[in-house]
Amino acid sequence: MIKFFRQIRQKLLSENKFSKYLIYAIGEIILVVIGILIALQVNNLNQEKKSSEQIDLLLNNLVEEVKQDIEALKSSAKLNEFQSNSLAQILKITGTKLEIISRFPPIPKSEENDVWKGPYPDTLNRRFVNLSLYFSGIYNQQALNRNILEELKNTGLFSAIKSDSLKKAINEYYNFLDRRLIKDDATSNLILSWKEFLRDNYGILTMEKTYKKDPILLIQENEDIQIRMFEIISIRRFQHNFKRQSILFAQDLLEEIEVYKKE
């Protein structure tokens, strides 16, 4: 093909047909430009297809990560439920008024929560109090899965997602979790302080389920223990609410991904 065009150029020049040669040269340039544009378009289409396939793969992995997050959040929320409800029940039975003034409402007992099966006791028993103190000192640090999010942003594929609502859902979910994790750092200090308080002042180790002294009488006779329990109740209710909200954001994200994959 190149040889054919060269022969035409040489013929026009040898015949001194400059005007026709000029027209031919312009036409040849136009053909070259069109060829380049077609090649670029094909390359762009191939790149777009490749990016789309990569995004689909990463979104599938993101779905799995978010599902894992949901399960972890549900498990943690169940723990927070018992931690707050059990201490609140103890304060209620001992006649303490502190729990009543909490700005965070009580958490309904979930049927799925098997830490304490059945209704909470109406009268204090040592097993329930021991179990409550044991769980009050447990702090479950929750790791946040960010691997797929980081890969989406580091590769530039996040901006290539053709759905503003999906990008918004991704940002809202991870921004919300980031704020929750900041709160969790403060909570870990509170739980550590609570455990040290019981250990240093009353010789109680929360990770032990039995004590030499009667824990029921100990709580009834010491207002400082009751105040600390109220503090734990409040923060656990706050955490539970935060985790339930996180689950809603996660579910919204999964729905947006499903819609995007169908488009």
C-alpha atoms as a PDB file:
ATOM      1  CA  MET A   1       0.000   0.000   0.000  1.00  0.00           C
ATOM      2  CA  ILE A   2       2.825   2.400   0.864  1.00  0.00           C
ATOM      3  CA  LYS A   3       4.582   1.510  -2.421  1.00  0.00           C
ATOM      4  CA  PHE A   4       1.351   2.257  -4.307  1.00  0.00           C
ATOM      5  CA  PHE A   5       1.026   5.749  -2.815  1.00  0.00           C
ATOM      6  CA  ARG A   6       4.719   6.451  -3.481  1.00  0.00           C
ATOM      7  CA  GLN A   7       4.255   5.617  -7.159  1.00  0.00           C
ATOM      8  CA  ILE A   8       1.326   8.021  -7.420  1.00  0.00           C
ATOM      9  CA  ARG A   9       3.348  10.828  -5.820  1.00  0.00           C
ATOM     10  CA  GLN A  10       6.285  10.242  -8.190  1.00  0.00           C
ATOM     11  CA  LYS A  11       4.003  10.227 -11.239  1.00  0.00           C
ATOM     12  CA  LEU A  12       2.336  13.515 -10.291  1.00  0.00           C
ATOM     13  CA  LEU A  13       5.677  15.187  -9.660  1.00  0.00           C
ATOM     14  CA  SER A  14       7.168  13.928 -12.937  1.00  0.00           C
ATOM     15  CA  GLU A  15       4.186  15.321 -14.824  1.00  0.00           C
ATOM     16  CA  ASN A  16       4.525  18.706 -13.046  1.00  0.00           C
ATOM     17  CA  LYS A  17       0.974  18.464 -11.799  1.00  0.00           C
ATOM     18  CA  PHE A  18       1.722  20.353  -8.590  1.00  0.00           C
ATOM     19  CA  SER A  19      -1.859  21.351  -7.819  1.00  0.00           C
ATOM     20  CA  LYS A  20      -3.036  17.767  -8.088  1.00  0.00           C
ATOM     21  CA  TYR A  21      -0.050  16.646  -6.047  1.00  0.00           C
ATOM     22  CA  LEU A  22      -0.942  19.155  -3.342  1.00  0.00           C
ATOM     23  CA  ILE A  23      -4.515  17.906  -3.253  1.00  0.00           C
ATOM     24  CA  TYR A  24      -3.243  14.356  -3.138  1.00  0.00           C
ATOM     25  CA  ALA A  25      -0.798  15.185  -0.305  1.00  0.00           C
ATOM     26  CA  ILE A  26      -3.558  16.816   1.734  1.00  0.00           C
ATOM     27  CA  GLY A  27      -5.750  13.792   1.129  1.00  0.00           C
ATOM     28  CA  GLU A  28      -2.971  11.492   2.237  1.00  0.00           C
ATOM     29  CA  ILE A  29      -2.460  13.531   5.420  1.00  0.00           C
ATOM     30  CA  ILE A  30      -6.185  13.347   6.121  1.00  0.00           C
ATOM     31  CA  LEU A  31      -6.084   9.573   5.652  1.00  0.00           C
ATOM     32  CA  VAL A  32      -3.129   9.312   8.037  1.00  0.00           C
ATOM     33  CA  VAL A  33      -4.935  11.455  10.630  1.00  0.00           C
ATOM     34  CA  ILE A  34      -8.094   9.382  10.272  1.00  0.00           C
ATOM     35  CA  GLY A  35      -6.014   6.239  10.699  1.00  0.00           C
ATOM     36  CA  ILE A  36      -4.418   7.618  13.851  1.00  0.00           C
ATOM     37  CA  LEU A  37      -7.819   8.646  15.258  1.00  0.00           C
ATOM     38  CA  ILE A  38      -9.248   5.210  14.538  1.00  0.00           C
ATOM     39  CA  ALA A  39      -6.241   3.565  16.211  1.00  0.00           C
ATOM     40  CA  LEU A  40      -6.635   5.837  19.249  1.00  0.00           C
ATOM     41  CA  GLN A  41     -10.342   5.085  19.412  1.00  0.00           C
ATOM     42  CA  VAL A  42      -9.721   1.356  19.246  1.00  0.00           C
ATOM     43  CA  ASN A  43      -7.044   1.680  21.924  1.00  0.00           C
ATOM     44  CA  ASN A  44      -9.373   3.734  24.119  1.00  0.00           C
ATOM     45  CA  LEU A  45     -12.135   1.186  23.711  1.00  0.00           C
ATOM     46  CA  ASN A  46      -9.749  -1.637  24.598  1.00  0.00           C
ATOM     47  CA  GLN A  47      -8.485   0.308  27.621  1.00  0.00           C
ATOM     48  CA  GLU A  48     -12.018   1.134  28.699  1.00  0.00           C
ATOM     49  CA  LYS A  49     -13.004  -2.528  28.416  1.00  0.00           C
ATOM     50  CA  LYS A  50      -9.958  -3.560  30.420  1.00  0.00           C
ATOM     51  CA  SER A  51     -10.710  -0.950  33.096  1.00  0.00           C
ATOM     52  CA  SER A  52     -14.354  -2.045  33.220  1.00  0.00           C
ATOM     53  CA  GLU A  53     -13.302  -5.660  33.749  1.00  0.00           C
ATOM     54  CA  GLN A  54     -10.883  -4.618  36.509  1.00  0.00           C
ATOM     55  CA  ILE A  55     -13.572  -2.515  38.203  1.00  0.00           C
ATOM     56  CA  ASP A  56     -16.042  -5.416  38.067  1.00  0.00           C
ATOM     57  CA  LEU A  57     -13.456  -7.718  39.633  1.00  0.00           C
ATOM     58  CA  LEU A  58     -12.628  -5.232  42.393  1.00  0.00           C
ATOM     59  CA  LEU A  59     -16.309  -4.552  43.083  1.00  0.00           C
ATOM     60  CA  ASN A  60     -16.908  -8.301  43.456  1.00  0.00           C
ATOM     61  CA  ASN A  61     -14.069  -8.387  45.992  1.00  0.00           C
ATOM     62  CA  LEU A  62     -15.473  -5.290  47.672  1.00  0.00           C
ATOM     63  CA  VAL A  63     -18.814  -7.051  48.095  1.00  0.00           C
ATOM     64  CA  GLU A  64     -17.072  -9.876  49.957  1.00  0.00           C
ATOM     65  CA  GLU A  65     -15.188  -7.427  52.185  1.00  0.00           C
ATOM     66  CA  VAL A  66     -18.335  -5.482  53.045  1.00  0.00           C
ATOM     67  CA  LYS A  67     -20.211  -8.699  53.834  1.00  0.00           C
ATOM     68  CA  GLN A  68     -17.399  -9.634  56.232  1.00  0.00           C
ATOM     69  CA  ASP A  69     -17.670  -6.180  57.785  1.00  0.00           C
ATOM     70  CA  ILE A  70     -21.414  -6.659  58.296  1.00  0.00           C
ATOM     71  CA  GLU A  71     -20.933  -9.974  60.078  1.00  0.00           C
ATOM     72  CA  ALA A  72     -18.241  -8.483  62.311  1.00  0.00           C
ATOM     73  CA  LEU A  73     -20.432  -5.456  63.066  1.00  0.00           C
ATOM     74  CA  LYS A  74     -23.402  -7.675  63.943  1.00  0.00           C
ATOM     75  CA  SER A  75     -21.266  -9.790  66.271  1.00  0.00           C
ATOM     76  CA  SER A  76     -19.839  -6.705  67.957  1.00  0.00           C
ATOM     77  CA  ALA A  77     -23.299  -5.138  68.276  1.00  0.00           C
ATOM     78  CA  LYS A  78     -24.543  -8.261  70.065  1.00  0.00           C
ATOM     79  CA  LEU A  79     -21.682  -7.978  72.524  1.00  0.00           C
ATOM     80  CA  ASN A  80     -22.425  -4.294  73.143  1.00  0.00           C
ATOM     81  CA  GLU A  81     -26.060  -5.196  73.699  1.00  0.00           C
ATOM     82  CA  PHE A  82     -25.306  -7.588  76.540  1.00  0.00           C
ATOM     83  CA  GLN A  83     -22.594  -5.364  77.996  1.00  0.00           C
ATOM     84  CA  SER A  84     -24.986  -2.442  78.368  1.00  0.00           C
ATOM     85  CA  ASN A  85     -28.161  -4.340  79.207  1.00  0.00           C
ATOM     86  CA  SER A  86     -26.642  -6.567  81.869  1.00  0.00           C
ATOM     87  CA  LEU A  87     -25.084  -3.665  83.782  1.00  0.00           C
ATOM     88  CA  ALA A  88     -28.295  -1.635  83.407  1.00  0.00           C
ATOM     89  CA  GLN A  89     -30.280  -4.551  84.814  1.00  0.00           C
ATOM     90  CA  ILE A  90     -27.960  -4.743  87.807  1.00  0.00           C
ATOM     91  CA  LEU A  91     -28.326  -1.018  88.500  1.00  0.00           C
ATOM     92  CA  LYS A  92     -32.101  -1.299  88.138  1.00  0.00           C
ATOM     93  CA  ILE A  93     -32.399  -4.145  90.602  1.00  0.00           C
ATOM     94  CA  THR A  94     -30.069  -2.520  93.133  1.00  0.00           C
ATOM     95  CA  GLY A  95     -32.279   0.582  93.045  1.00  0.00           C
ATOM     96  CA  THR A  96     -29.704   2.897  91.471  1.00  0.00           C
ATOM     97  CA  LYS A  97     -31.263   5.885  89.682  1.00  0.00           C
ATOM     98  CA  LEU A  98     -28.297   6.616  87.422  1.00  0.00           C
ATOM     99  CA  GLU A  99     -29.408   4.384  84.548  1.00  0.00           C
ATOM    100  CA  ILE A 100     -32.693   6.255  84.260  1.00  0.00           C
ATOM    101  CA  ILE A 101     -31.010   9.523  83.227  1.00  0.00           C
ATOM    102  CA  SER A 102     -29.051   8.001  80.344  1.00  0.00           C
ATOM    103  CA  ARG A 103     -29.511   9.945  77.098  1.00  0.00           C
ATOM    104  CA  PHE A 104     -29.069   6.710  75.161  1.00  0.00           C
ATOM    105  CA  PRO A 105     -32.183   4.488  75.146  1.00  0.00           C
ATOM    106  CA  PRO A 106     -31.969   0.849  76.247  1.00  0.00           C
ATOM    107  CA  ILE A 107     -31.192  -1.691  73.553  1.00  0.00           C
ATOM    108  CA  PRO A 108     -33.967  -4.245  72.933  1.00  0.00           C
ATOM    109  CA  LYS A 109     -32.802  -7.757  73.728  1.00  0.00           C
ATOM    110  CA  SER A 110     -32.200  -9.646  70.518  1.00  0.00           C
ATOM    111  CA  GLU A 111     -33.428 -13.223  70.229  1.00  0.00           C
ATOM    112  CA  GLU A 112     -30.195 -14.006  68.406  1.00  0.00           C
ATOM    113  CA  ASN A 113     -28.097 -12.911  71.376  1.00  0.00           C
ATOM    114  CA  ASP A 114     -27.065 -16.094  73.153  1.00  0.00           C
ATOM    115  CA  VAL A 115     -24.639 -14.570  75.673  1.00  0.00           C
ATOM    116  CA  TRP A 116     -27.537 -14.760  78.136  1.00  0.00           C
ATOM    117  CA  LYS A 117     -30.386 -16.921  76.877  1.00  0.00           C
ATOM    118  CA  GLY A 118     -33.897 -15.958  77.868  1.00  0.00           C
ATOM    119  CA  PRO A 119     -34.974 -12.824  79.779  1.00  0.00           C
ATOM    120  CA  TYR A 120     -32.620 -11.070  82.167  1.00  0.00           C
ATOM    121  CA  PRO A 121     -33.201 -12.003  85.830  1.00  0.00           C
ATOM    122  CA  ASP A 122     -35.526  -9.801  87.920  1.00  0.00           C
ATOM    123  CA  THR A 123     -33.504 -10.523  91.032  1.00  0.00           C
ATOM    124  CA  LEU A 124     -29.749 -10.490  91.282  1.00  0.00           C
ATOM    125  CA  ASN A 125     -27.960 -13.779  91.167  1.00  0.00           C
ATOM    126  CA  ARG A 126     -24.249 -14.249  91.409  1.00  0.00           C
ATOM    127  CA  ARG A 127     -23.871 -15.994  88.051  1.00  0.00           C
ATOM    128  CA  PHE A 128     -25.499 -13.114  86.185  1.00  0.00           C
ATOM    129  CA  VAL A 129     -23.417 -10.486  88.007  1.00  0.00           C
ATOM    130  CA  ASN A 130     -20.192 -12.418  87.460  1.00  0.00           C
ATOM    131  CA  LEU A 131     -20.953 -12.805  83.757  1.00  0.00           C
ATOM    132  CA  SER A 132     -21.830  -9.117  83.459  1.00  0.00           C
ATOM    133  CA  LEU A 133     -18.567  -8.007  85.054  1.00  0.00           C
ATOM    134  CA  TYR A 134     -16.630 -10.438  82.896  1.00  0.00           C
ATOM    135  CA  PHE A 135     -18.083  -9.069  79.647  1.00  0.00           C
ATOM    136  CA  SER A 136     -17.859  -5.462  80.835  1.00  0.00           C
ATOM    137  CA  GLY A 137     -14.066  -5.685  80.564  1.00  0.00           C
ATOM    138  CA  ILE A 138     -14.011  -7.080  77.030  1.00  0.00           C
ATOM    139  CA  TYR A 139     -13.075  -4.682  74.278  1.00  0.00           C
ATOM    140  CA  ASN A 140     -13.324  -6.047  70.765  1.00  0.00           C
ATOM    141  CA  GLN A 141     -11.123  -3.948  68.488  1.00  0.00           C
ATOM    142  CA  GLN A 142     -12.617  -4.213  65.033  1.00  0.00           C
ATOM    143  CA  ALA A 143     -10.342  -4.043  62.027  1.00  0.00           C
ATOM    144  CA  LEU A 144     -11.640  -2.157  59.033  1.00  0.00           C
ATOM    145  CA  ASN A 145     -11.208  -3.787  55.617  1.00  0.00           C
ATOM    146  CA  ARG A 146      -9.813  -1.140  53.277  1.00  0.00           C
ATOM    147  CA  ASN A 147      -7.756  -3.234  50.853  1.00  0.00           C
ATOM    148  CA  ILE A 148     -10.119  -2.991  47.891  1.00  0.00           C
ATOM    149  CA  LEU A 149     -10.871   0.686  48.501  1.00  0.00           C
ATOM    150  CA  GLU A 150      -7.158   1.487  48.523  1.00  0.00           C
ATOM    151  CA  GLU A 151      -6.609  -0.508  45.324  1.00  0.00           C
ATOM    152  CA  LEU A 152      -9.479   1.287  43.580  1.00  0.00           C
ATOM    153  CA  LYS A 153      -8.035   4.683  44.458  1.00  0.00           C
ATOM    154  CA  ASN A 154      -4.353   3.859  43.940  1.00  0.00           C
ATOM    155  CA  THR A 155      -4.990   2.491  40.451  1.00  0.00           C
ATOM    156  CA  GLY A 156      -7.215   5.423  39.486  1.00  0.00           C
ATOM    157  CA  LEU A 157     -10.117   3.054  38.852  1.00  0.00           C
ATOM    158  CA  PHE A 158     -12.293   4.714  41.481  1.00  0.00           C
ATOM    159  CA  SER A 159     -12.666   7.806  39.277  1.00  0.00           C
ATOM    160  CA  ALA A 160     -13.453   5.515  36.311  1.00  0.00           C
ATOM    161  CA  ILE A 161     -16.588   4.178  38.006  1.00  0.00           C
ATOM    162  CA  LYS A 162     -19.499   5.464  35.901  1.00  0.00           C
ATOM    163  CA  SER A 163     -21.889   5.978  38.779  1.00  0.00           C
ATOM    164  CA  ASP A 164     -21.831   8.978  41.068  1.00  0.00           C
ATOM    165  CA  SER A 165     -24.281   7.308  43.447  1.00  0.00           C
ATOM    166  CA  LEU A 166     -21.989   4.270  43.812  1.00  0.00           C
ATOM    167  CA  LYS A 167     -18.933   6.449  44.457  1.00  0.00           C
ATOM    168  CA  LYS A 168     -20.958   8.406  47.004  1.00  0.00           C
ATOM    169  CA  ALA A 169     -22.066   5.194  48.744  1.00  0.00           C
ATOM    170  CA  ILE A 170     -18.452   3.960  48.934  1.00  0.00           C
ATOM    171  CA  ASN A 171     -17.221   7.256  50.395  1.00  0.00           C
ATOM    172  CA  GLU A 172     -20.085   7.521  52.896  1.00  0.00           C
ATOM    173  CA  TYR A 173     -19.559   3.987  54.166  1.00  0.00           C
ATOM    174  CA  TYR A 174     -15.814   4.273  54.744  1.00  0.00           C
ATOM    175  CA  ASN A 175     -15.992   7.825  56.097  1.00  0.00           C
ATOM    176  CA  PHE A 176     -18.631   6.715  58.591  1.00  0.00           C
ATOM    177  CA  LEU A 177     -16.525   3.746  59.688  1.00  0.00           C
ATOM    178  CA  ASP A 178     -13.471   5.981  60.051  1.00  0.00           C
ATOM    179  CA  ARG A 179     -15.386   8.205  62.475  1.00  0.00           C
ATOM    180  CA  ARG A 180     -16.512   5.138  64.419  1.00  0.00           C
ATOM    181  CA  LEU A 181     -12.953   3.856  64.756  1.00  0.00           C
ATOM    182  CA  ILE A 182     -11.868   7.204  66.211  1.00  0.00           C
ATOM    183  CA  LYS A 183     -14.573   6.793  68.847  1.00  0.00           C
ATOM    184  CA  ASP A 184     -13.386   3.239  69.480  1.00  0.00           C
ATOM    185  CA  ASP A 185      -9.933   4.515  70.445  1.00  0.00           C
ATOM    186  CA  ALA A 186     -11.510   6.551  73.249  1.00  0.00           C
ATOM    187  CA  THR A 187     -13.599   3.553  74.280  1.00  0.00           C
ATOM    188  CA  SER A 188     -10.557   1.309  74.633  1.00  0.00           C
ATOM    189  CA  ASN A 189      -9.080   3.785  77.136  1.00  0.00           C
ATOM    190  CA  LEU A 190     -12.354   3.834  79.074  1.00  0.00           C
ATOM    191  CA  ILE A 191     -12.514   0.039  79.315  1.00  0.00           C
ATOM    192  CA  LEU A 192      -8.875  -0.137  80.410  1.00  0.00           C
ATOM    193  CA  SER A 193      -9.588   2.480  83.079  1.00  0.00           C
ATOM    194  CA  TRP A 194     -12.624   0.491  84.281  1.00  0.00           C
ATOM    195  CA  LYS A 195     -10.627  -2.719  84.602  1.00  0.00           C
ATOM    196  CA  GLU A 196      -7.803  -0.957  86.441  1.00  0.00           C
ATOM    197  CA  PHE A 197     -10.331   0.719  88.735  1.00  0.00           C
ATOM    198  CA  LEU A 198     -11.891  -2.599  89.780  1.00  0.00           C
ATOM    199  CA  ARG A 199      -8.495  -4.260  90.142  1.00  0.00           C
ATOM    200  CA  ASP A 200      -6.727  -1.512  92.116  1.00  0.00           C
ATOM    201  CA  ASN A 201      -9.631  -0.557  94.404  1.00  0.00           C
ATOM    202  CA  TYR A 202     -11.520  -3.805  94.899  1.00  0.00           C
ATOM    203  CA  GLY A 203      -9.215  -6.585  93.760  1.00  0.00           C
ATOM    204  CA  ILE A 204     -11.628  -7.635  91.014  1.00  0.00           C
ATOM    205  CA  LEU A 205     -10.235  -8.995  87.776  1.00  0.00           C
ATOM    206  CA  THR A 206     -12.940  -8.735  85.136  1.00  0.00           C
ATOM    207  CA  MET A 207     -11.503 -11.628  83.144  1.00  0.00           C
ATOM    208  CA  GLU A 208     -12.116 -13.948  86.108  1.00  0.00           C
ATOM    209  CA  LYS A 209     -15.689 -15.164  86.477  1.00  0.00           C
ATOM    210  CA  THR A 210     -15.552 -15.857  90.214  1.00  0.00           C
ATOM    211  CA  TYR A 211     -14.600 -13.611  93.121  1.00  0.00           C
ATOM    212  CA  LYS A 212     -13.870 -14.175  96.795  1.00  0.00           C
ATOM    213  CA  LYS A 213     -16.262 -11.422  97.818  1.00  0.00           C
ATOM    214  CA  ASP A 214     -19.943 -11.206  96.906  1.00  0.00           C
ATOM    215  CA  PRO A 215     -20.017  -8.926  93.798  1.00  0.00           C
ATOM    216  CA  ILE A 216     -23.706  -8.110  94.356  1.00  0.00           C
ATOM    217  CA  LEU A 217     -23.075  -6.674  97.804  1.00  0.00           C
ATOM    218  CA  LEU A 218     -19.981  -4.907  96.513  1.00  0.00           C
ATOM    219  CA  ILE A 219     -21.988  -3.047  93.859  1.00  0.00           C
ATOM    220  CA  GLN A 220     -24.817  -2.194  96.243  1.00  0.00           C
ATOM    221  CA  GLU A 221     -22.491  -0.677  98.826  1.00  0.00           C
ATOM    222  CA  ASN A 222     -20.177   1.330  96.535  1.00  0.00           C
ATOM    223  CA  GLU A 223     -21.543   4.279  94.607  1.00  0.00           C
ATOM    224  CA  ASP A 224     -18.275   4.780  92.724  1.00  0.00           C
ATOM    225  CA  ILE A 225     -18.705   1.334  91.136  1.00  0.00           C
ATOM    226  CA  GLN A 226     -22.260   2.225  90.152  1.00  0.00           C
ATOM    227  CA  ILE A 227     -21.104   5.475  88.509  1.00  0.00           C
ATOM    228  CA  ARG A 228     -18.459   3.628  86.517  1.00  0.00           C
ATOM    229  CA  MET A 229     -21.028   1.039  85.443  1.00  0.00           C
ATOM    230  CA  PHE A 230     -23.314   3.807  84.231  1.00  0.00           C
ATOM    231  CA  GLU A 231     -20.433   5.179  82.169  1.00  0.00           C
ATOM    232  CA  ILE A 232     -19.880   1.778  80.559  1.00  0.00           C
ATOM    233  CA  ILE A 233     -23.612   1.451  79.831  1.00  0.00           C
ATOM    234  CA  SER A 234     -23.691   4.786  78.013  1.00  0.00           C
ATOM    235  CA  ILE A 235     -20.667   4.125  75.829  1.00  0.00           C
ATOM    236  CA  ARG A 236     -21.840   0.606  74.929  1.00  0.00           C
ATOM    237  CA  ARG A 237     -25.243   1.931  73.872  1.00  0.00           C
ATOM    238  CA  PHE A 238     -23.520   4.575  71.783  1.00  0.00           C
ATOM    239  CA  GLN A 239     -21.314   1.923  70.158  1.00  0.00           C
ATOM    240  CA  HIS A 240     -24.280  -0.323  69.456  1.00  0.00           C
ATOM    241  CA  ASN A 241     -26.117   2.508  67.709  1.00  0.00           C
ATOM    242  CA  PHE A 242     -23.028   3.367  65.672  1.00  0.00           C
ATOM    243  CA  LYS A 243     -22.615  -0.239  64.540  1.00  0.00           C
ATOM    244  CA  ARG A 244     -26.263  -0.557  63.535  1.00  0.00           C
ATOM    245  CA  GLN A 245     -25.866   2.595  61.444  1.00  0.00           C
ATOM    246  CA  SER A 246     -22.670   1.202  59.918  1.00  0.00           C
ATOM    247  CA  ILE A 247     -24.581  -1.898  58.854  1.00  0.00           C
ATOM    248  CA  LEU A 248     -27.201   0.273  57.118  1.00  0.00           C
ATOM    249  CA  PHE A 249     -24.464   2.128  55.204  1.00  0.00           C
ATOM    250  CA  ALA A 250     -22.913  -1.218  54.255  1.00  0.00           C
ATOM    251  CA  GLN A 251     -26.240  -2.569  52.990  1.00  0.00           C
ATOM    252  CA  ASP A 252     -26.821   0.582  50.943  1.00  0.00           C
ATOM    253  CA  LEU A 253     -23.379   0.123  49.399  1.00  0.00           C
ATOM    254  CA  LEU A 254     -24.119  -3.487  48.472  1.00  0.00           C
ATOM    255  CA  GLU A 255     -27.367  -2.397  46.806  1.00  0.00           C
ATOM    256  CA  GLU A 256     -25.558   0.309  44.802  1.00  0.00           C
ATOM    257  CA  ILE A 257     -22.975  -2.224  43.616  1.00  0.00           C
ATOM    258  CA  GLU A 258     -25.741  -4.581  42.527  1.00  0.00           C
ATOM    259  CA  VAL A 259     -27.442  -1.807  40.548  1.00  0.00           C
ATOM    260  CA  TYR A 260     -24.138  -0.813  38.921  1.00  0.00           C
ATOM    261  CA  LYS A 261     -23.388  -4.375  37.826  1.00  0.00           C
ATOM    262  CA  LYS A 262     -26.802  -4.641  36.134  1.00  0.00           C
ATOM    263  CA  GLU A 263     -26.334  -1.473  34.083  1.00  0.00           C
END
